[in-house]
Amino acid sequence: MKTDYTDKFVKISSNTAFLKLTQDHQEFIKKLAFELRFTLQELRQVVETQRDLTMWSEPDVQSFYFSVTNKLPFEPVQRKKAFLSLLHSHIDGLRHAAKSYPKEGINRPKKREKSQIVQEKSEKKIYGQCPVASPKTVCCNLRTIDAVENCIFGCSYCTIQTFYSNRITFDEDLHEKLQQIPLDPEKKYHFGTGQSSDSLAWGNRFNNLDALCDWARQNPNILLEFKTKSDNVQFFLEHDVPSNILCTWSLNPQIIIDNEEHFTAPLHKRINAARSVADRGIKVGFHFHPMIYYDGWEEAYPAIAHKIQQRFSPEEILFISFGSVTFIKPVIKKIRNLGLPGKILQMPLVPDPHGKYTYSDDLKVKMFSAQYEAFAPWQDKVFFYLCMEKADIWQRTFGGYYETNEIFEETMLTACFEKIEHCQLV
């Protein structure tokens, strides 16, 4: 090793995830860094690549280096340039290919990390606008209620993990704060409780569902959505709830649930829970969000659509949405820092209108269109929409889009309340 690079390496490696690599990977990458004299950015690229390859269960950087070494020039500067270019092309190819999960599944966490569950008073406001509401995308203007902060599940793509501490916090003043939410009795609203935690995973702990349903009953002009990946619906089976609430489920193929949605209910249990709620006359909905591009998606997602159409009538469904994997930079960083086995980052990271990272427009349209086509018998009977997508993607998927978010919001709420009122009359 060339000793004049030692101090620099110590300094730049401390600004990367180098120490989170295995000892073998550290030794090889350090040796390579001394040979090729990596800059900070170059070392970070190689370290992040190794971190990704490990999580994806792909051959490591050392294996790749030896597979291309005969193609590299001898001159050091050109050798480094050629190696980094080939490494970038390799990782880019993996990102753009449909990821493949092993039949036995990727090693998943065996248990949840223990978190302290508390109920406490807070000065925080519990309501707000959907954080991605923007004129840059066609948005339904969802309002959010943060009844609980943090989640018991471990989805690999989740943004909640970057917002809160390890504690799970219930607001002690939920009932009072709900009463303080300003509402125009002449206007209809769509509120959701699934922004800061899973809506139903906790059941009625600290009487949070009691408070929320009482508030919905007092305000018949709101549509209150409980969005979940759980099958914990006992509260709704044992209590009379107002007609303006609905339970919705995020759905993915079981292979995605097994490998990326840790500790959540299996697909069949989610669908069974939705069926039991619908049998009580409570409206339900489904979110295919995030849809994940992998080897087998073209059969698996439509199969879920067909299952839904077999087990439900369109009159029971208020809406169905489609959406894609979207990351903010802190989530990408946290996923790499954790380093848990998973392939969620094995995707092209294309910037969206909000500076987040997602799939390309063409891939989104391909997936959304296929799933919409799978629901062809329901297209004029259920309200379908895209979440957080540009007008062009709406146009290419549905053949049209809403000119403003306000028109979208009004159209959606009108459709939902008309279906609720129609069913009450039947």
Foldseek 3Di string as FASTA:
>chain_A
DDVVCVVVCVVLVVVACLVVDDPVVNVVLVVVCVQLVDHSVRSNVQVLLQLQCLLLVHDGPVVVCVVCVVVADPPRPRRSVVSSVVSVVVLVVLQAAFRAADPVGADDDPAFDDAAEEEDADPDQQKDWDPLDDFQAQALREMEGAQKAAERWFFLQDPSVVVDDRHIYGYLCLLVSLVVPDDDLVAAHEYEHPPRYQQPPVPCVSPSVVSVQVSCVVRVRYQYEREHQALRCVVLLPDDGDQRYEYEYADDFQSCCRHGTGPGDGRVSNLVSNLSNVVVVHAYEYEPPAPGGHVPSLPRLLVVVVVNVVRDPLLRYAEYEYEHRKADVVSSVVSSSVSHRHNRSSHFFDQDPVRITTHDLVVSLVNLQSNVVSNVVCPVRYHYYYHSHGQVSCCSRVVGGDPGSVVSNVVSSVSRVVSSVVVVVD
